Amino acid sequence: DIVLQLDPRDEGDLLLGSQKELHSAFANLATNAVRYTPAGGRIVMSWCRTAAGAEYSVTDDGIGIDPKHIARLTERFFRVDRSRSRETGGTGLGLAIVKHIVSRHQAELHIESEVGKGSRFVVAFPASRIMRGRRPVRS
């Protein structure tokens, strides 16, 4: 079992964009966290406003990624460990798709990780993409 925690600190926010694409990107990041977090691990998905806009993040205490691989993670078909990808069913396209979707929404994908300690994937959206109720959020 894995502990999954949702942390919606800014519940009234609306994100402007393609629902289908954003769902795909957010689901991919969450699925990866589940895939690479061993039983008993912890995954936290959160949404919060920032000075620049808002962030969606997925943080886990899974196996982590060697820093030397982080720059290439969003390349199509790149796999840190080919045998591990076969075991977990990965195609090597997920993070490339996430990066494309994030870019189409004028956002940025940030990745932090440490082997044996886990990873944090953050999608940072500009203020122009965030609305509170029917009014844009001003930074």
N, C-alpha and C. Protein backbone atom coordinates (compact mmCIF):
# COMPACT_ATOMS: atom_id res chain seq x y z
N ASP A 1 0.83 -1.20 0.00
CA ASP A 1 0.00 0.00 0.00
C ASP A 1 0.86 1.24 0.00
N ILE A 2 0.30 2.32 -0.58
CA ILE A 2 0.97 3.62 -0.63
C ILE A 2 0.02 4.63 0.00
N VAL A 3 0.55 5.55 0.76
CA VAL A 3 -0.26 6.62 1.34
C VAL A 3 -0.32 7.75 0.32
N LEU A 4 -1.53 8.13 -0.07
CA LEU A 4 -1.73 9.22 -1.03
C LEU A 4 -2.41 10.37 -0.31
N GLN A 5 -1.79 11.53 -0.34
CA GLN A 5 -2.34 12.69 0.33
C GLN A 5 -2.62 13.78 -0.69
N LEU A 6 -3.83 14.34 -0.69
CA LEU A 6 -4.19 15.46 -1.54
C LEU A 6 -4.12 16.71 -0.70
N ASP A 7 -3.50 17.75 -1.21
CA ASP A 7 -3.30 18.97 -0.46
C ASP A 7 -3.76 20.17 -1.29
N PRO A 8 -5.08 20.40 -1.37
CA PRO A 8 -5.58 21.54 -2.15
C PRO A 8 -5.65 22.80 -1.30
N ARG A 9 -4.56 23.50 -1.18
CA ARG A 9 -4.52 24.68 -0.31
C ARG A 9 -5.30 25.87 -0.85
N ASP A 10 -5.53 25.92 -2.15
CA ASP A 10 -6.26 27.03 -2.74
C ASP A 10 -7.41 26.46 -3.57
N GLU A 11 -8.45 26.02 -2.87
CA GLU A 11 -9.54 25.28 -3.50
C GLU A 11 -10.38 26.08 -4.47
N GLY A 12 -10.42 27.41 -4.36
CA GLY A 12 -11.29 28.20 -5.22
C GLY A 12 -10.70 28.54 -6.57
N ASP A 13 -9.50 28.11 -6.85
CA ASP A 13 -8.84 28.47 -8.10
C ASP A 13 -9.38 27.69 -9.30
N LEU A 14 -9.40 28.35 -10.44
CA LEU A 14 -9.71 27.71 -11.71
C LEU A 14 -8.48 27.83 -12.59
N LEU A 15 -8.16 26.77 -13.31
CA LEU A 15 -7.01 26.76 -14.20
C LEU A 15 -7.52 26.84 -15.63
N LEU A 16 -7.09 27.85 -16.36
CA LEU A 16 -7.53 28.03 -17.74
C LEU A 16 -6.68 27.18 -18.67
N GLY A 17 -7.32 26.34 -19.46
CA GLY A 17 -6.58 25.49 -20.39
C GLY A 17 -7.42 24.34 -20.86
N SER A 18 -6.80 23.42 -21.56
CA SER A 18 -7.47 22.25 -22.09
C SER A 18 -7.64 21.22 -20.96
N GLN A 19 -8.89 20.95 -20.61
CA GLN A 19 -9.16 20.00 -19.53
C GLN A 19 -8.56 18.64 -19.85
N LYS A 20 -8.72 18.19 -21.08
CA LYS A 20 -8.21 16.87 -21.48
C LYS A 20 -6.69 16.81 -21.36
N GLU A 21 -6.01 17.83 -21.85
CA GLU A 21 -4.55 17.84 -21.81
C GLU A 21 -4.03 17.94 -20.38
N LEU A 22 -4.60 18.86 -19.60
CA LEU A 22 -4.15 19.03 -18.22
C LEU A 22 -4.41 17.78 -17.39
N HIS A 23 -5.55 17.15 -17.61
CA HIS A 23 -5.85 15.89 -16.91
C HIS A 23 -4.79 14.85 -17.25
N SER A 24 -4.42 14.77 -18.52
CA SER A 24 -3.41 13.81 -18.97
C SER A 24 -2.07 14.09 -18.28
N ALA A 25 -1.65 15.34 -18.25
CA ALA A 25 -0.37 15.69 -17.64
C ALA A 25 -0.37 15.40 -16.14
N PHE A 26 -1.43 15.84 -15.44
CA PHE A 26 -1.49 15.63 -14.00
C PHE A 26 -1.57 14.14 -13.66
N ALA A 27 -2.35 13.40 -14.43
CA ALA A 27 -2.49 11.97 -14.19
C ALA A 27 -1.17 11.24 -14.45
N ASN A 28 -0.44 11.67 -15.47
CA ASN A 28 0.84 11.04 -15.78
C ASN A 28 1.81 11.22 -14.62
N LEU A 29 1.88 12.42 -14.07
CA LEU A 29 2.80 12.67 -12.95
C LEU A 29 2.40 11.84 -11.73
N ALA A 30 1.10 11.76 -11.46
CA ALA A 30 0.63 10.96 -10.32
C ALA A 30 0.90 9.48 -10.55
N THR A 31 0.63 8.99 -11.76
CA THR A 31 0.86 7.58 -12.08
C THR A 31 2.33 7.21 -11.95
N ASN A 32 3.21 8.10 -12.42
CA ASN A 32 4.65 7.84 -12.28
C ASN A 32 5.04 7.73 -10.81
N ALA A 33 4.48 8.59 -9.98
CA ALA A 33 4.81 8.54 -8.55
C ALA A 33 4.38 7.21 -7.96
N VAL A 34 3.19 6.74 -8.33
CA VAL A 34 2.72 5.44 -7.83
C VAL A 34 3.61 4.33 -8.36
N ARG A 35 3.98 4.40 -9.62
CA ARG A 35 4.79 3.36 -10.26
C ARG A 35 6.16 3.22 -9.62
N TYR A 36 6.75 4.34 -9.19
CA TYR A 36 8.12 4.30 -8.68
C TYR A 36 8.24 4.51 -7.16
N THR A 37 7.11 4.39 -6.46
CA THR A 37 7.14 4.47 -5.00
C THR A 37 6.81 3.09 -4.45
N PRO A 38 7.72 2.50 -3.69
CA PRO A 38 7.47 1.16 -3.16
C PRO A 38 6.33 1.14 -2.13
N ALA A 39 5.84 -0.05 -1.86
CA ALA A 39 4.79 -0.24 -0.86
C ALA A 39 5.18 0.44 0.45
N GLY A 40 4.22 1.11 1.06
CA GLY A 40 4.48 1.81 2.30
C GLY A 40 4.97 3.24 2.09
N GLY A 41 5.20 3.61 0.84
CA GLY A 41 5.68 4.95 0.53
C GLY A 41 4.59 6.00 0.65
N ARG A 42 4.99 7.25 0.47
CA ARG A 42 4.07 8.38 0.60
C ARG A 42 4.13 9.24 -0.66
N ILE A 43 2.96 9.64 -1.15
CA ILE A 43 2.85 10.52 -2.31
C ILE A 43 1.94 11.68 -1.91
N VAL A 44 2.38 12.90 -2.20
CA VAL A 44 1.56 14.08 -1.91
C VAL A 44 1.37 14.84 -3.21
N MET A 45 0.10 15.08 -3.57
CA MET A 45 -0.23 15.92 -4.72
C MET A 45 -0.79 17.21 -4.16
N SER A 46 -0.29 18.34 -4.65
CA SER A 46 -0.78 19.60 -4.10
C SER A 46 -0.97 20.65 -5.18
N TRP A 47 -1.79 21.63 -4.84
CA TRP A 47 -2.07 22.79 -5.69
C TRP A 47 -1.98 24.01 -4.79
N CYS A 48 -1.19 24.98 -5.17
CA CYS A 48 -1.13 26.19 -4.37
C CYS A 48 -0.78 27.39 -5.24
N ARG A 49 -1.28 28.54 -4.81
CA ARG A 49 -0.93 29.77 -5.50
C ARG A 49 0.45 30.21 -5.07
N THR A 50 1.14 30.88 -5.97
CA THR A 50 2.46 31.41 -5.70
C THR A 50 2.47 32.88 -6.11
N ALA A 51 3.56 33.57 -5.85
CA ALA A 51 3.68 34.97 -6.26
C ALA A 51 3.59 35.11 -7.78
N ALA A 52 4.02 34.08 -8.52
CA ALA A 52 4.03 34.14 -9.98
C ALA A 52 2.80 33.54 -10.63
N GLY A 53 1.96 32.82 -9.88
CA GLY A 53 0.79 32.16 -10.46
C GLY A 53 0.29 31.06 -9.55
N ALA A 54 0.53 29.81 -9.97
CA ALA A 54 0.13 28.66 -9.15
C ALA A 54 0.96 27.45 -9.55
N GLU A 55 1.00 26.48 -8.65
CA GLU A 55 1.76 25.25 -8.91
C GLU A 55 0.95 24.01 -8.58
N TYR A 56 1.09 23.02 -9.44
CA TYR A 56 0.61 21.67 -9.17
C TYR A 56 1.87 20.86 -8.94
N SER A 57 1.93 20.11 -7.85
CA SER A 57 3.13 19.30 -7.62
C SER A 57 2.77 17.90 -7.16
N VAL A 58 3.67 16.98 -7.49
CA VAL A 58 3.58 15.60 -7.04
C VAL A 58 4.93 15.29 -6.39
N THR A 59 4.87 14.93 -5.12
CA THR A 59 6.08 14.63 -4.36
C THR A 59 5.96 13.21 -3.82
N ASP A 60 7.04 12.44 -3.94
CA ASP A 60 7.02 11.08 -3.42
C ASP A 60 8.30 10.79 -2.66
N ASP A 61 8.27 9.72 -1.90
CA ASP A 61 9.49 9.28 -1.22
C ASP A 61 9.94 7.95 -1.81
N GLY A 62 9.80 7.85 -3.12
CA GLY A 62 10.14 6.64 -3.86
C GLY A 62 11.62 6.48 -4.11
N ILE A 63 11.93 5.78 -5.19
CA ILE A 63 13.31 5.39 -5.46
C ILE A 63 14.21 6.54 -5.89
N GLY A 64 13.63 7.61 -6.40
CA GLY A 64 14.42 8.77 -6.80
C GLY A 64 15.15 8.56 -8.12
N ILE A 65 15.74 9.64 -8.60
CA ILE A 65 16.42 9.66 -9.90
C ILE A 65 17.78 10.30 -9.72
N ASP A 66 18.79 9.70 -10.28
CA ASP A 66 20.13 10.27 -10.23
C ASP A 66 20.11 11.63 -10.94
N PRO A 67 20.66 12.67 -10.32
CA PRO A 67 20.65 14.01 -10.92
C PRO A 67 21.21 14.07 -12.35
N LYS A 68 22.11 13.16 -12.69
CA LYS A 68 22.68 13.19 -14.04
C LYS A 68 21.64 12.87 -15.12
N HIS A 69 20.51 12.27 -14.75
CA HIS A 69 19.47 11.92 -15.72
C HIS A 69 18.35 12.95 -15.83
N ILE A 70 18.25 13.85 -14.88
CA ILE A 70 17.10 14.75 -14.82
C ILE A 70 16.95 15.59 -16.09
N ALA A 71 18.02 16.10 -16.63
CA ALA A 71 17.93 16.95 -17.83
C ALA A 71 17.35 16.20 -19.03
N ARG A 72 17.46 14.89 -19.06
CA ARG A 72 16.99 14.10 -20.21
C ARG A 72 15.63 13.44 -19.98
N LEU A 73 15.07 13.54 -18.79
CA LEU A 73 13.84 12.83 -18.46
C LEU A 73 12.67 13.14 -19.39
N THR A 74 12.62 14.34 -19.93
CA THR A 74 11.48 14.72 -20.77
C THR A 74 11.72 14.46 -22.26
N GLU A 75 12.83 13.81 -22.58
CA GLU A 75 13.09 13.43 -23.97
C GLU A 75 12.25 12.20 -24.32
N ARG A 76 11.71 12.19 -25.55
CA ARG A 76 10.91 11.03 -25.97
C ARG A 76 11.77 9.76 -25.92
N PHE A 77 11.20 8.70 -25.37
CA PHE A 77 11.78 7.36 -25.28
C PHE A 77 12.98 7.25 -24.35
N PHE A 78 13.32 8.33 -23.64
CA PHE A 78 14.43 8.23 -22.69
C PHE A 78 13.98 7.45 -21.46
N ARG A 79 14.81 6.52 -21.04
CA ARG A 79 14.54 5.74 -19.83
C ARG A 79 15.81 5.71 -19.00
N VAL A 80 15.65 5.95 -17.71
CA VAL A 80 16.79 5.92 -16.81
C VAL A 80 17.35 4.51 -16.76
N ASP A 81 16.46 3.53 -16.65
CA ASP A 81 16.85 2.13 -16.54
C ASP A 81 15.89 1.31 -17.39
N ARG A 82 16.36 0.81 -18.51
CA ARG A 82 15.48 0.08 -19.44
C ARG A 82 14.82 -1.14 -18.80
N SER A 83 15.53 -1.85 -17.94
CA SER A 83 14.92 -3.03 -17.32
C SER A 83 13.80 -2.63 -16.37
N ARG A 84 13.98 -1.53 -15.66
CA ARG A 84 12.94 -1.06 -14.75
C ARG A 84 11.70 -0.62 -15.54
N SER A 85 11.89 0.00 -16.70
CA SER A 85 10.76 0.44 -17.53
C SER A 85 9.96 -0.75 -18.02
N ARG A 86 10.66 -1.84 -18.39
CA ARG A 86 9.95 -3.05 -18.83
C ARG A 86 9.11 -3.63 -17.71
N GLU A 87 9.68 -3.64 -16.50
CA GLU A 87 8.96 -4.19 -15.35
C GLU A 87 7.72 -3.40 -15.01
N THR A 88 7.78 -2.07 -15.16
CA THR A 88 6.66 -1.22 -14.75
C THR A 88 5.76 -0.83 -15.91
N GLY A 89 6.12 -1.21 -17.12
CA GLY A 89 5.25 -0.96 -18.26
C GLY A 89 5.40 0.41 -18.89
N GLY A 90 6.46 1.14 -18.61
CA GLY A 90 6.65 2.48 -19.18
C GLY A 90 7.06 2.44 -20.64
N THR A 91 6.63 3.49 -21.38
CA THR A 91 7.00 3.58 -22.81
C THR A 91 8.11 4.58 -23.06
N GLY A 92 8.40 5.43 -22.09
CA GLY A 92 9.39 6.48 -22.30
C GLY A 92 8.79 7.72 -22.94
N LEU A 93 7.48 7.81 -23.02
CA LEU A 93 6.82 8.97 -23.63
C LEU A 93 6.12 9.87 -22.61
N GLY A 94 5.79 9.37 -21.46
CA GLY A 94 4.97 10.10 -20.49
C GLY A 94 5.47 11.49 -20.16
N LEU A 95 6.71 11.62 -19.75
CA LEU A 95 7.21 12.94 -19.35
C LEU A 95 7.43 13.85 -20.55
N ALA A 96 7.68 13.27 -21.73
CA ALA A 96 7.76 14.09 -22.94
C ALA A 96 6.41 14.71 -23.25
N ILE A 97 5.36 13.93 -23.07
CA ILE A 97 4.00 14.43 -23.28
C ILE A 97 3.67 15.49 -22.24
N VAL A 98 4.02 15.25 -21.00
CA VAL A 98 3.79 16.23 -19.94
C VAL A 98 4.47 17.55 -20.30
N LYS A 99 5.73 17.48 -20.71
CA LYS A 99 6.48 18.69 -21.05
C LYS A 99 5.79 19.45 -22.19
N HIS A 100 5.30 18.74 -23.19
CA HIS A 100 4.61 19.37 -24.32
C HIS A 100 3.33 20.07 -23.85
N ILE A 101 2.54 19.39 -23.04
CA ILE A 101 1.29 19.96 -22.53
C ILE A 101 1.58 21.19 -21.67
N VAL A 102 2.57 21.08 -20.81
CA VAL A 102 2.95 22.18 -19.93
C VAL A 102 3.35 23.40 -20.77
N SER A 103 4.14 23.18 -21.79
CA SER A 103 4.57 24.26 -22.67
C SER A 103 3.38 24.92 -23.37
N ARG A 104 2.42 24.11 -23.83
CA ARG A 104 1.23 24.65 -24.50
C ARG A 104 0.39 25.53 -23.56
N HIS A 105 0.59 25.38 -22.26
CA HIS A 105 -0.15 26.16 -21.28
C HIS A 105 0.73 27.25 -20.63
N GLN A 106 1.80 27.61 -21.32
CA GLN A 106 2.74 28.65 -20.87
C GLN A 106 3.28 28.39 -19.46
N ALA A 107 3.38 27.13 -19.11
CA ALA A 107 3.87 26.75 -17.78
C ALA A 107 5.26 26.13 -17.91
N GLU A 108 5.84 25.81 -16.77
CA GLU A 108 7.16 25.19 -16.74
C GLU A 108 7.12 23.95 -15.86
N LEU A 109 7.90 22.93 -16.26
CA LEU A 109 8.02 21.71 -15.47
C LEU A 109 9.38 21.74 -14.77
N HIS A 110 9.35 21.59 -13.45
CA HIS A 110 10.58 21.54 -12.65
C HIS A 110 10.66 20.17 -11.98
N ILE A 111 11.85 19.58 -12.01
CA ILE A 111 12.04 18.25 -11.44
C ILE A 111 13.19 18.29 -10.44
N GLU A 112 12.91 17.79 -9.25
CA GLU A 112 13.93 17.65 -8.20
C GLU A 112 13.91 16.19 -7.76
N SER A 113 15.07 15.60 -7.56
CA SER A 113 15.09 14.21 -7.13
C SER A 113 16.42 13.85 -6.50
N GLU A 114 16.36 12.85 -5.65
CA GLU A 114 17.56 12.31 -5.04
C GLU A 114 17.37 10.80 -4.92
N VAL A 115 18.36 10.06 -5.38
CA VAL A 115 18.29 8.60 -5.34
C VAL A 115 18.06 8.15 -3.91
N GLY A 116 17.08 7.26 -3.75
CA GLY A 116 16.77 6.69 -2.44
C GLY A 116 15.92 7.58 -1.54
N LYS A 117 15.65 8.81 -1.98
CA LYS A 117 14.87 9.73 -1.13
C LYS A 117 13.58 10.18 -1.80
N GLY A 118 13.48 10.09 -3.12
CA GLY A 118 12.25 10.46 -3.79
C GLY A 118 12.40 11.59 -4.78
N SER A 119 11.24 12.02 -5.30
CA SER A 119 11.22 13.02 -6.36
C SER A 119 10.10 14.02 -6.12
N ARG A 120 10.26 15.18 -6.76
CA ARG A 120 9.22 16.21 -6.74
C ARG A 120 9.12 16.78 -8.14
N PHE A 121 7.93 16.70 -8.72
CA PHE A 121 7.64 17.24 -10.03
C PHE A 121 6.68 18.41 -9.84
N VAL A 122 7.04 19.58 -10.35
CA VAL A 122 6.24 20.78 -10.16
C VAL A 122 5.91 21.38 -11.53
N VAL A 123 4.62 21.66 -11.74
CA VAL A 123 4.19 22.40 -12.93
C VAL A 123 3.82 23.79 -12.45
N ALA A 124 4.59 24.79 -12.88
CA ALA A 124 4.39 26.18 -12.46
C ALA A 124 3.65 26.94 -13.55
N PHE A 125 2.42 27.38 -13.23
CA PHE A 125 1.58 28.11 -14.18
C PHE A 125 1.68 29.61 -13.93
N PRO A 126 1.66 30.41 -15.00
CA PRO A 126 1.67 31.86 -14.83
C PRO A 126 0.31 32.35 -14.32
N ALA A 127 0.30 33.53 -13.72
CA ALA A 127 -0.93 34.12 -13.17
C ALA A 127 -2.02 34.25 -14.23
N SER A 128 -1.64 34.44 -15.48
CA SER A 128 -2.63 34.61 -16.55
C SER A 128 -3.47 33.35 -16.77
N ARG A 129 -3.04 32.22 -16.26
CA ARG A 129 -3.77 30.96 -16.40
C ARG A 129 -4.64 30.62 -15.19
N ILE A 130 -4.60 31.45 -14.15
CA ILE A 130 -5.29 31.14 -12.91
C ILE A 130 -6.43 32.13 -12.69
N MET A 131 -7.59 31.58 -12.35
CA MET A 131 -8.73 32.42 -12.00
C MET A 131 -9.31 31.97 -10.67
N ARG A 132 -9.79 32.93 -9.93
CA ARG A 132 -10.48 32.64 -8.67
C ARG A 132 -11.95 32.91 -8.94
N GLY A 133 -12.76 31.85 -8.93
CA GLY A 133 -14.16 32.03 -9.31
C GLY A 133 -14.21 32.46 -10.77
N ARG A 134 -14.75 33.65 -11.04
CA ARG A 134 -14.81 34.16 -12.41
C ARG A 134 -13.84 35.30 -12.65
N ARG A 135 -13.01 35.62 -11.66
CA ARG A 135 -12.08 36.75 -11.80
C ARG A 135 -10.65 36.24 -11.88
N PRO A 136 -9.82 36.81 -12.78
CA PRO A 136 -8.41 36.42 -12.82
C PRO A 136 -7.70 36.73 -11.51
N VAL A 137 -6.77 35.86 -11.12
CA VAL A 137 -5.94 36.09 -9.95
C VAL A 137 -4.83 37.04 -10.36
N ARG A 138 -4.63 38.10 -9.63
CA ARG A 138 -3.58 39.09 -9.91
C ARG A 138 -2.38 38.81 -9.03
N SER A 139 -1.19 38.93 -9.62
CA SER A 139 0.01 38.69 -8.82
C SER A 139 0.54 39.98 -8.25
